[in-house]
Amino acid sequence: MNLQAMRAIYLFEMARTRRTLLQSIVSPVISTSLYFVVFGAAIGSRIPEIDGISYGAFIVPGLIMLSLLTQSVSNASFGIYFPKFTGTIYELLSAPVSYLEIAASYVGAAASKSIVLGLVILATAGLFVPIQVAHPFWMLLFLVLTAVTFSLFGFIIGIWADNFEKLQLVPLLIITPLTFLGGSFYSIHILPPIWQTITLFNPVVYLVSGFRWSFYDLADVSVGISLVMTLLFLAIFLAIVAWIFKTGYRLKT
């Protein structure tokens, strides 16, 4: 395994974050703060508690998950798409670096950025509401698994996209709506039975539910099911990435 090449790609991607600090870190934190102002203050004043948890504290895991999903996808997709756009992908493909090492480097960098962002947002949330983390280990595990899983998804999108419009299509039209409808700002138990059933087809429900359980011992679905579904999504995206590298799908276009 070419660890030196992997390290070079990883550090290059992390350096891009430092160059775009305002966009990468500051902007999501400001957006999260605005969510707290709107949902926590305006709406939270009308919804005092959910299952014994103040509404402001209840939405913290959902807000972190919202940023984690969107940033994981965006960072990974742009990271691999930009070399295709500029033509430098050919240098990468001709270098003595395997496809596995390329994917691990880009996905690892995107996941690292998202994890750091998630922890920064968690610290920011602590300025607005009191936060308790009942299961720190499981909180970090769900955080890491979700970041890696959706960084893989973003990597797939970056390879599939052949213009910047397609690069933004999935995060804007699929990821964000699914997150809003996945119990980020409410418990699915308050929905009518038919909508509870329909909501269970939303994969984000399992991510948010498991992550919220690690904070408050409170979950919409079984924690075991949440973990299994997260691992299933990870396995699916790994299989798709393996197929892409096996077939060379859009790698050189």
C-alpha atoms as a PDB file:
ATOM      1  CA  MET A   1       0.000   0.000   0.000  1.00  0.00           C
ATOM      2  CA  ASN A   2       1.377   3.397  -1.039  1.00  0.00           C
ATOM      3  CA  LEU A   3       0.950   5.241   2.250  1.00  0.00           C
ATOM      4  CA  GLN A   4       3.000   8.217   1.097  1.00  0.00           C
ATOM      5  CA  ALA A   5       0.695   8.829  -1.869  1.00  0.00           C
ATOM      6  CA  MET A   6      -2.394   8.439   0.312  1.00  0.00           C
ATOM      7  CA  ARG A   7      -0.948  10.907   2.797  1.00  0.00           C
ATOM      8  CA  ALA A   8      -0.216  13.402   0.010  1.00  0.00           C
ATOM      9  CA  ILE A   9      -3.776  13.256  -1.351  1.00  0.00           C
ATOM     10  CA  TYR A  10      -5.259  13.428   2.147  1.00  0.00           C
ATOM     11  CA  LEU A  11      -3.163  16.443   3.174  1.00  0.00           C
ATOM     12  CA  PHE A  12      -3.912  18.219  -0.107  1.00  0.00           C
ATOM     13  CA  GLU A  13      -7.639  17.868   0.498  1.00  0.00           C
ATOM     14  CA  MET A  14      -7.326  18.981   4.111  1.00  0.00           C
ATOM     15  CA  ALA A  15      -5.274  21.995   2.993  1.00  0.00           C
ATOM     16  CA  ARG A  16      -8.138  23.006   0.710  1.00  0.00           C
ATOM     17  CA  THR A  17     -10.320  23.257   3.803  1.00  0.00           C
ATOM     18  CA  ARG A  18      -7.867  25.657   5.406  1.00  0.00           C
ATOM     19  CA  ARG A  19      -7.855  27.788   2.263  1.00  0.00           C
ATOM     20  CA  THR A  20     -11.656  27.910   2.230  1.00  0.00           C
ATOM     21  CA  LEU A  21     -12.195  28.116   5.987  1.00  0.00           C
ATOM     22  CA  LEU A  22     -15.063  30.607   5.662  1.00  0.00           C
ATOM     23  CA  GLN A  23     -17.023  28.325   3.363  1.00  0.00           C
ATOM     24  CA  SER A  24     -16.040  25.034   4.978  1.00  0.00           C
ATOM     25  CA  ILE A  25     -16.479  25.775   8.682  1.00  0.00           C
ATOM     26  CA  VAL A  26     -17.755  29.293   9.394  1.00  0.00           C
ATOM     27  CA  SER A  27     -20.710  29.201   6.988  1.00  0.00           C
ATOM     28  CA  PRO A  28     -22.219  25.915   8.331  1.00  0.00           C
ATOM     29  CA  VAL A  29     -21.792  27.141  11.920  1.00  0.00           C
ATOM     30  CA  ILE A  30     -23.627  30.383  11.116  1.00  0.00           C
ATOM     31  CA  SER A  31     -26.384  28.407   9.391  1.00  0.00           C
ATOM     32  CA  THR A  32     -26.731  26.167  12.448  1.00  0.00           C
ATOM     33  CA  SER A  33     -26.956  29.218  14.703  1.00  0.00           C
ATOM     34  CA  LEU A  34     -29.768  30.571  12.535  1.00  0.00           C
ATOM     35  CA  TYR A  35     -31.593  27.241  12.845  1.00  0.00           C
ATOM     36  CA  PHE A  36     -31.383  27.613  16.613  1.00  0.00           C
ATOM     37  CA  VAL A  37     -32.782  31.117  16.432  1.00  0.00           C
ATOM     38  CA  VAL A  38     -35.684  30.096  14.191  1.00  0.00           C
ATOM     39  CA  PHE A  39     -36.496  26.593  15.441  1.00  0.00           C
ATOM     40  CA  GLY A  40     -35.168  26.812  18.971  1.00  0.00           C
ATOM     41  CA  ALA A  41     -36.532  30.228  19.895  1.00  0.00           C
ATOM     42  CA  ALA A  42     -39.537  30.853  17.645  1.00  0.00           C
ATOM     43  CA  ILE A  43     -40.919  27.329  17.383  1.00  0.00           C
ATOM     44  CA  GLY A  44     -39.391  26.057  20.632  1.00  0.00           C
ATOM     45  CA  SER A  45     -41.371  28.597  22.624  1.00  0.00           C
ATOM     46  CA  ARG A  46     -44.552  26.853  21.411  1.00  0.00           C
ATOM     47  CA  ILE A  47     -43.180  23.320  21.944  1.00  0.00           C
ATOM     48  CA  PRO A  48     -41.753  23.315  25.466  1.00  0.00           C
ATOM     49  CA  GLU A  49     -40.634  19.662  25.609  1.00  0.00           C
ATOM     50  CA  ILE A  50     -40.532  16.427  23.622  1.00  0.00           C
ATOM     51  CA  ASP A  51     -40.388  13.302  25.790  1.00  0.00           C
ATOM     52  CA  GLY A  52     -38.966  15.321  28.651  1.00  0.00           C
ATOM     53  CA  ILE A  53     -36.275  17.026  26.525  1.00  0.00           C
ATOM     54  CA  SER A  54     -36.431  20.744  25.786  1.00  0.00           C
ATOM     55  CA  TYR A  55     -37.106  21.380  22.111  1.00  0.00           C
ATOM     56  CA  GLY A  56     -33.873  23.338  21.661  1.00  0.00           C
ATOM     57  CA  ALA A  57     -31.821  20.430  22.993  1.00  0.00           C
ATOM     58  CA  PHE A  58     -33.951  17.886  21.100  1.00  0.00           C
ATOM     59  CA  ILE A  59     -33.030  19.304  17.684  1.00  0.00           C
ATOM     60  CA  VAL A  60     -29.261  19.394  18.326  1.00  0.00           C
ATOM     61  CA  PRO A  61     -28.573  15.849  17.003  1.00  0.00           C
ATOM     62  CA  GLY A  62     -30.753  16.561  13.968  1.00  0.00           C
ATOM     63  CA  LEU A  63     -28.909  19.794  13.202  1.00  0.00           C
ATOM     64  CA  ILE A  64     -25.547  18.068  13.502  1.00  0.00           C
ATOM     65  CA  MET A  65     -26.758  15.272  11.246  1.00  0.00           C
ATOM     66  CA  LEU A  66     -28.091  17.765   8.690  1.00  0.00           C
ATOM     67  CA  SER A  67     -24.693  19.464   8.418  1.00  0.00           C
ATOM     68  CA  LEU A  68     -22.835  16.157   8.542  1.00  0.00           C
ATOM     69  CA  LEU A  69     -24.771  14.634   5.642  1.00  0.00           C
ATOM     70  CA  THR A  70     -24.663  17.672   3.380  1.00  0.00           C
ATOM     71  CA  GLN A  71     -21.011  18.502   4.049  1.00  0.00           C
ATOM     72  CA  SER A  72     -19.841  14.889   3.702  1.00  0.00           C
ATOM     73  CA  VAL A  73     -21.500  14.621   0.313  1.00  0.00           C
ATOM     74  CA  SER A  74     -20.352  18.058  -0.857  1.00  0.00           C
ATOM     75  CA  ASN A  75     -16.730  17.691   0.271  1.00  0.00           C
ATOM     76  CA  ALA A  76     -16.233  14.248  -1.229  1.00  0.00           C
ATOM     77  CA  SER A  77     -18.062  14.980  -4.490  1.00  0.00           C
ATOM     78  CA  PHE A  78     -16.167  18.210  -5.151  1.00  0.00           C
ATOM     79  CA  GLY A  79     -12.867  16.610  -4.126  1.00  0.00           C
ATOM     80  CA  ILE A  80     -12.975  13.970  -6.877  1.00  0.00           C
ATOM     81  CA  TYR A  81     -14.936  16.008  -9.435  1.00  0.00           C
ATOM     82  CA  PHE A  82     -12.510  18.933  -9.552  1.00  0.00           C
ATOM     83  CA  PRO A  83      -9.567  16.810 -10.838  1.00  0.00           C
ATOM     84  CA  LYS A  84     -11.903  15.511 -13.552  1.00  0.00           C
ATOM     85  CA  PHE A  85     -12.933  19.064 -14.412  1.00  0.00           C
ATOM     86  CA  THR A  86      -9.345  20.357 -14.641  1.00  0.00           C
ATOM     87  CA  GLY A  87      -7.929  17.225 -16.259  1.00  0.00           C
ATOM     88  CA  THR A  88      -5.512  16.412 -13.443  1.00  0.00           C
ATOM     89  CA  ILE A  89      -7.354  13.121 -12.889  1.00  0.00           C
ATOM     90  CA  TYR A  90      -5.093  11.626 -15.582  1.00  0.00           C
ATOM     91  CA  GLU A  91      -2.014  12.364 -13.501  1.00  0.00           C
ATOM     92  CA  LEU A  92      -3.638  10.657 -10.558  1.00  0.00           C
ATOM     93  CA  LEU A  93      -4.679   7.600 -12.578  1.00  0.00           C
ATOM     94  CA  SER A  94      -1.209   7.235 -14.122  1.00  0.00           C
ATOM     95  CA  ALA A  95       0.534   7.467 -10.730  1.00  0.00           C
ATOM     96  CA  PRO A  96       1.499   4.281  -8.832  1.00  0.00           C
ATOM     97  CA  VAL A  97      -1.614   4.575  -6.655  1.00  0.00           C
ATOM     98  CA  SER A  98      -4.349   1.952  -6.587  1.00  0.00           C
ATOM     99  CA  TYR A  99      -8.035   2.767  -6.882  1.00  0.00           C
ATOM    100  CA  LEU A 100      -8.500   1.666  -3.273  1.00  0.00           C
ATOM    101  CA  GLU A 101      -5.851   4.137  -2.112  1.00  0.00           C
ATOM    102  CA  ILE A 102      -7.401   6.965  -4.149  1.00  0.00           C
ATOM    103  CA  ALA A 103     -10.859   6.311  -2.714  1.00  0.00           C
ATOM    104  CA  ALA A 104      -9.558   5.925   0.850  1.00  0.00           C
ATOM    105  CA  SER A 105      -7.661   9.225   0.618  1.00  0.00           C
ATOM    106  CA  TYR A 106     -10.512  11.331  -0.760  1.00  0.00           C
ATOM    107  CA  VAL A 107     -13.184   9.716   1.407  1.00  0.00           C
ATOM    108  CA  GLY A 108     -10.963   9.882   4.485  1.00  0.00           C
ATOM    109  CA  ALA A 109     -10.309  13.589   3.973  1.00  0.00           C
ATOM    110  CA  ALA A 110     -13.996  14.392   3.382  1.00  0.00           C
ATOM    111  CA  ALA A 111     -15.031  12.362   6.431  1.00  0.00           C
ATOM    112  CA  SER A 112     -12.390  14.069   8.578  1.00  0.00           C
ATOM    113  CA  LYS A 113     -13.660  17.516   7.595  1.00  0.00           C
ATOM    114  CA  SER A 114     -17.249  16.511   8.350  1.00  0.00           C
ATOM    115  CA  ILE A 115     -16.379  15.023  11.738  1.00  0.00           C
ATOM    116  CA  VAL A 116     -14.514  18.191  12.736  1.00  0.00           C
ATOM    117  CA  LEU A 117     -17.472  20.264  11.556  1.00  0.00           C
ATOM    118  CA  GLY A 118     -19.906  18.089  13.510  1.00  0.00           C
ATOM    119  CA  LEU A 119     -17.897  18.552  16.705  1.00  0.00           C
ATOM    120  CA  VAL A 120     -17.660  22.318  16.102  1.00  0.00           C
ATOM    121  CA  ILE A 121     -21.439  22.498  15.665  1.00  0.00           C
ATOM    122  CA  LEU A 122     -21.893  20.451  18.847  1.00  0.00           C
ATOM    123  CA  ALA A 123     -19.740  22.968  20.718  1.00  0.00           C
ATOM    124  CA  THR A 124     -21.684  25.834  19.132  1.00  0.00           C
ATOM    125  CA  ALA A 125     -24.994  24.247  20.175  1.00  0.00           C
ATOM    126  CA  GLY A 126     -23.741  24.169  23.752  1.00  0.00           C
ATOM    127  CA  LEU A 127     -23.745  27.972  23.699  1.00  0.00           C
ATOM    128  CA  PHE A 128     -27.513  27.975  23.075  1.00  0.00           C
ATOM    129  CA  VAL A 129     -28.862  25.042  25.068  1.00  0.00           C
ATOM    130  CA  PRO A 130     -27.589  22.657  27.764  1.00  0.00           C
ATOM    131  CA  ILE A 131     -26.477  19.406  26.124  1.00  0.00           C
ATOM    132  CA  GLN A 132     -25.927  16.000  27.628  1.00  0.00           C
ATOM    133  CA  VAL A 133     -24.281  13.059  25.861  1.00  0.00           C
ATOM    134  CA  ALA A 134     -25.470   9.865  27.524  1.00  0.00           C
ATOM    135  CA  HIS A 135     -23.313   7.538  25.404  1.00  0.00           C
ATOM    136  CA  PRO A 136     -20.152   9.323  24.133  1.00  0.00           C
ATOM    137  CA  PHE A 137     -18.722   6.197  22.493  1.00  0.00           C
ATOM    138  CA  TRP A 138     -21.876   5.536  20.485  1.00  0.00           C
ATOM    139  CA  MET A 139     -22.180   9.212  19.620  1.00  0.00           C
ATOM    140  CA  LEU A 140     -18.670   9.172  18.093  1.00  0.00           C
ATOM    141  CA  LEU A 141     -19.350   5.834  16.392  1.00  0.00           C
ATOM    142  CA  PHE A 142     -22.525   7.084  14.693  1.00  0.00           C
ATOM    143  CA  LEU A 143     -20.724  10.321  13.818  1.00  0.00           C
ATOM    144  CA  VAL A 144     -17.805   8.513  12.165  1.00  0.00           C
ATOM    145  CA  LEU A 145     -19.926   5.877  10.409  1.00  0.00           C
ATOM    146  CA  THR A 146     -22.299   8.497   9.004  1.00  0.00           C
ATOM    147  CA  ALA A 147     -19.438  10.734   7.852  1.00  0.00           C
ATOM    148  CA  VAL A 148     -17.648   7.860   6.094  1.00  0.00           C
ATOM    149  CA  THR A 149     -20.859   6.482   4.572  1.00  0.00           C
ATOM    150  CA  PHE A 150     -21.987   9.764   3.042  1.00  0.00           C
ATOM    151  CA  SER A 151     -18.467  10.715   2.025  1.00  0.00           C
ATOM    152  CA  LEU A 152     -18.528   7.504  -0.032  1.00  0.00           C
ATOM    153  CA  PHE A 153     -21.875   8.604  -1.430  1.00  0.00           C
ATOM    154  CA  GLY A 154     -20.399  11.997  -2.300  1.00  0.00           C
ATOM    155  CA  PHE A 155     -17.430  10.295  -3.962  1.00  0.00           C
ATOM    156  CA  ILE A 156     -19.869   8.346  -6.142  1.00  0.00           C
ATOM    157  CA  ILE A 157     -21.728  11.548  -7.057  1.00  0.00           C
ATOM    158  CA  GLY A 158     -18.455  13.291  -7.940  1.00  0.00           C
ATOM    159  CA  ILE A 159     -17.579  10.508 -10.359  1.00  0.00           C
ATOM    160  CA  TRP A 160     -21.095  10.403 -11.823  1.00  0.00           C
ATOM    161  CA  ALA A 161     -21.435  14.172 -12.308  1.00  0.00           C
ATOM    162  CA  ASP A 162     -20.224  15.724 -15.548  1.00  0.00           C
ATOM    163  CA  ASN A 163     -21.066  19.340 -14.630  1.00  0.00           C
ATOM    164  CA  PHE A 164     -21.430  21.495 -11.538  1.00  0.00           C
ATOM    165  CA  GLU A 165     -25.240  21.419 -11.715  1.00  0.00           C
ATOM    166  CA  LYS A 166     -25.295  17.647 -11.260  1.00  0.00           C
ATOM    167  CA  LEU A 167     -22.802  18.013  -8.435  1.00  0.00           C
ATOM    168  CA  GLN A 168     -25.347  20.044  -6.452  1.00  0.00           C
ATOM    169  CA  LEU A 169     -28.425  18.124  -7.582  1.00  0.00           C
ATOM    170  CA  VAL A 170     -28.387  15.298  -5.037  1.00  0.00           C
ATOM    171  CA  PRO A 171     -27.464  17.340  -1.923  1.00  0.00           C
ATOM    172  CA  LEU A 172     -30.088  20.007  -2.647  1.00  0.00           C
ATOM    173  CA  LEU A 173     -32.960  17.905  -3.957  1.00  0.00           C
ATOM    174  CA  ILE A 174     -32.485  14.628  -2.091  1.00  0.00           C
ATOM    175  CA  ILE A 175     -30.233  14.819   0.986  1.00  0.00           C
ATOM    176  CA  THR A 176     -31.623  18.027   2.496  1.00  0.00           C
ATOM    177  CA  PRO A 177     -35.334  17.149   2.044  1.00  0.00           C
ATOM    178  CA  LEU A 178     -34.798  13.624   3.401  1.00  0.00           C
ATOM    179  CA  THR A 179     -33.039  15.078   6.441  1.00  0.00           C
ATOM    180  CA  PHE A 180     -35.843  17.543   7.144  1.00  0.00           C
ATOM    181  CA  LEU A 181     -38.405  14.751   6.767  1.00  0.00           C
ATOM    182  CA  GLY A 182     -36.330  12.250   8.737  1.00  0.00           C
ATOM    183  CA  GLY A 183     -37.160  13.374  12.250  1.00  0.00           C
ATOM    184  CA  SER A 184     -34.404  15.952  12.596  1.00  0.00           C
ATOM    185  CA  PHE A 185     -36.740  18.547  14.106  1.00  0.00           C
ATOM    186  CA  TYR A 186     -39.502  16.325  15.494  1.00  0.00           C
ATOM    187  CA  SER A 187     -40.197  12.832  16.760  1.00  0.00           C
ATOM    188  CA  ILE A 188     -41.870  10.629  14.167  1.00  0.00           C
ATOM    189  CA  HIS A 189     -44.133   9.322  16.961  1.00  0.00           C
ATOM    190  CA  ILE A 190     -46.156  12.540  16.761  1.00  0.00           C
ATOM    191  CA  LEU A 191     -47.125  11.710  13.173  1.00  0.00           C
ATOM    192  CA  PRO A 192     -50.301   9.812  12.233  1.00  0.00           C
ATOM    193  CA  PRO A 193     -49.718   6.030  12.006  1.00  0.00           C
ATOM    194  CA  ILE A 194     -49.743   5.949   8.203  1.00  0.00           C
ATOM    195  CA  TRP A 195     -47.080   8.672   7.999  1.00  0.00           C
ATOM    196  CA  GLN A 196     -44.990   6.930  10.641  1.00  0.00           C
ATOM    197  CA  THR A 197     -44.922   3.874   8.409  1.00  0.00           C
ATOM    198  CA  ILE A 198     -44.066   5.915   5.309  1.00  0.00           C
ATOM    199  CA  THR A 199     -41.322   7.766   7.192  1.00  0.00           C
ATOM    200  CA  LEU A 200     -39.588   4.472   8.002  1.00  0.00           C
ATOM    201  CA  PHE A 201     -38.725   4.203   4.301  1.00  0.00           C
ATOM    202  CA  ASN A 202     -36.583   7.329   4.724  1.00  0.00           C
ATOM    203  CA  PRO A 203     -33.004   6.124   5.398  1.00  0.00           C
ATOM    204  CA  VAL A 204     -32.114   9.315   7.278  1.00  0.00           C
ATOM    205  CA  VAL A 205     -34.605   8.387  10.031  1.00  0.00           C
ATOM    206  CA  TYR A 206     -32.298   5.613  11.202  1.00  0.00           C
ATOM    207  CA  LEU A 207     -29.227   7.849  11.223  1.00  0.00           C
ATOM    208  CA  VAL A 208     -30.917  10.644  13.177  1.00  0.00           C
ATOM    209  CA  SER A 209     -32.643   8.254  15.587  1.00  0.00           C
ATOM    210  CA  GLY A 210     -29.467   6.384  16.501  1.00  0.00           C
ATOM    211  CA  PHE A 211     -27.511   9.602  16.868  1.00  0.00           C
ATOM    212  CA  ARG A 212     -30.197  11.175  19.083  1.00  0.00           C
ATOM    213  CA  TRP A 213     -30.281   8.061  21.262  1.00  0.00           C
ATOM    214  CA  SER A 214     -26.574   8.528  22.005  1.00  0.00           C
ATOM    215  CA  PHE A 215     -27.457  11.930  23.468  1.00  0.00           C
ATOM    216  CA  TYR A 216     -30.705  11.399  25.361  1.00  0.00           C
ATOM    217  CA  ASP A 217     -31.474   7.652  25.477  1.00  0.00           C
ATOM    218  CA  LEU A 218     -34.361   8.589  23.207  1.00  0.00           C
ATOM    219  CA  ALA A 219     -34.962   6.944  19.820  1.00  0.00           C
ATOM    220  CA  ASP A 220     -37.721   6.703  17.232  1.00  0.00           C
ATOM    221  CA  VAL A 221     -36.543   3.248  16.137  1.00  0.00           C
ATOM    222  CA  SER A 222     -34.467   0.558  17.821  1.00  0.00           C
ATOM    223  CA  VAL A 223     -30.807   1.491  18.236  1.00  0.00           C
ATOM    224  CA  GLY A 224     -29.797  -1.911  16.917  1.00  0.00           C
ATOM    225  CA  ILE A 225     -31.813  -1.335  13.755  1.00  0.00           C
ATOM    226  CA  SER A 226     -30.265   2.131  13.358  1.00  0.00           C
ATOM    227  CA  LEU A 227     -26.758   0.674  13.582  1.00  0.00           C
ATOM    228  CA  VAL A 228     -27.550  -2.173  11.180  1.00  0.00           C
ATOM    229  CA  MET A 229     -29.074   0.228   8.647  1.00  0.00           C
ATOM    230  CA  THR A 230     -26.066   2.550   8.888  1.00  0.00           C
ATOM    231  CA  LEU A 231     -23.708  -0.361   8.245  1.00  0.00           C
ATOM    232  CA  LEU A 232     -25.949  -1.508   5.379  1.00  0.00           C
ATOM    233  CA  PHE A 233     -25.732   1.909   3.697  1.00  0.00           C
ATOM    234  CA  LEU A 234     -21.950   1.819   4.161  1.00  0.00           C
ATOM    235  CA  ALA A 235     -21.752  -1.637   2.548  1.00  0.00           C
ATOM    236  CA  ILE A 236     -23.927  -0.548  -0.392  1.00  0.00           C
ATOM    237  CA  PHE A 237     -21.808   2.515  -1.141  1.00  0.00           C
ATOM    238  CA  LEU A 238     -18.597   0.489  -0.786  1.00  0.00           C
ATOM    239  CA  ALA A 239     -19.962  -2.002  -3.322  1.00  0.00           C
ATOM    240  CA  ILE A 240     -20.830   0.806  -5.754  1.00  0.00           C
ATOM    241  CA  VAL A 241     -17.358   2.351  -5.433  1.00  0.00           C
ATOM    242  CA  ALA A 242     -15.794  -1.084  -6.036  1.00  0.00           C
ATOM    243  CA  TRP A 243     -17.934  -1.481  -9.165  1.00  0.00           C
ATOM    244  CA  ILE A 244     -16.924   1.981 -10.416  1.00  0.00           C
ATOM    245  CA  PHE A 245     -13.236   1.178 -10.121  1.00  0.00           C
ATOM    246  CA  LYS A 246     -13.699  -2.262 -11.639  1.00  0.00           C
ATOM    247  CA  THR A 247     -15.473  -0.901 -14.712  1.00  0.00           C
ATOM    248  CA  GLY A 248     -13.714   2.481 -14.903  1.00  0.00           C
ATOM    249  CA  TYR A 249     -17.121   4.203 -15.052  1.00  0.00           C
ATOM    250  CA  ARG A 250     -16.656   7.903 -15.919  1.00  0.00           C
ATOM    251  CA  LEU A 251     -13.227   8.011 -14.350  1.00  0.00           C
ATOM    252  CA  LYS A 252     -11.625   9.369 -17.481  1.00  0.00           C
ATOM    253  CA  THR A 253     -14.390  11.594 -18.815  1.00  0.00           C
END
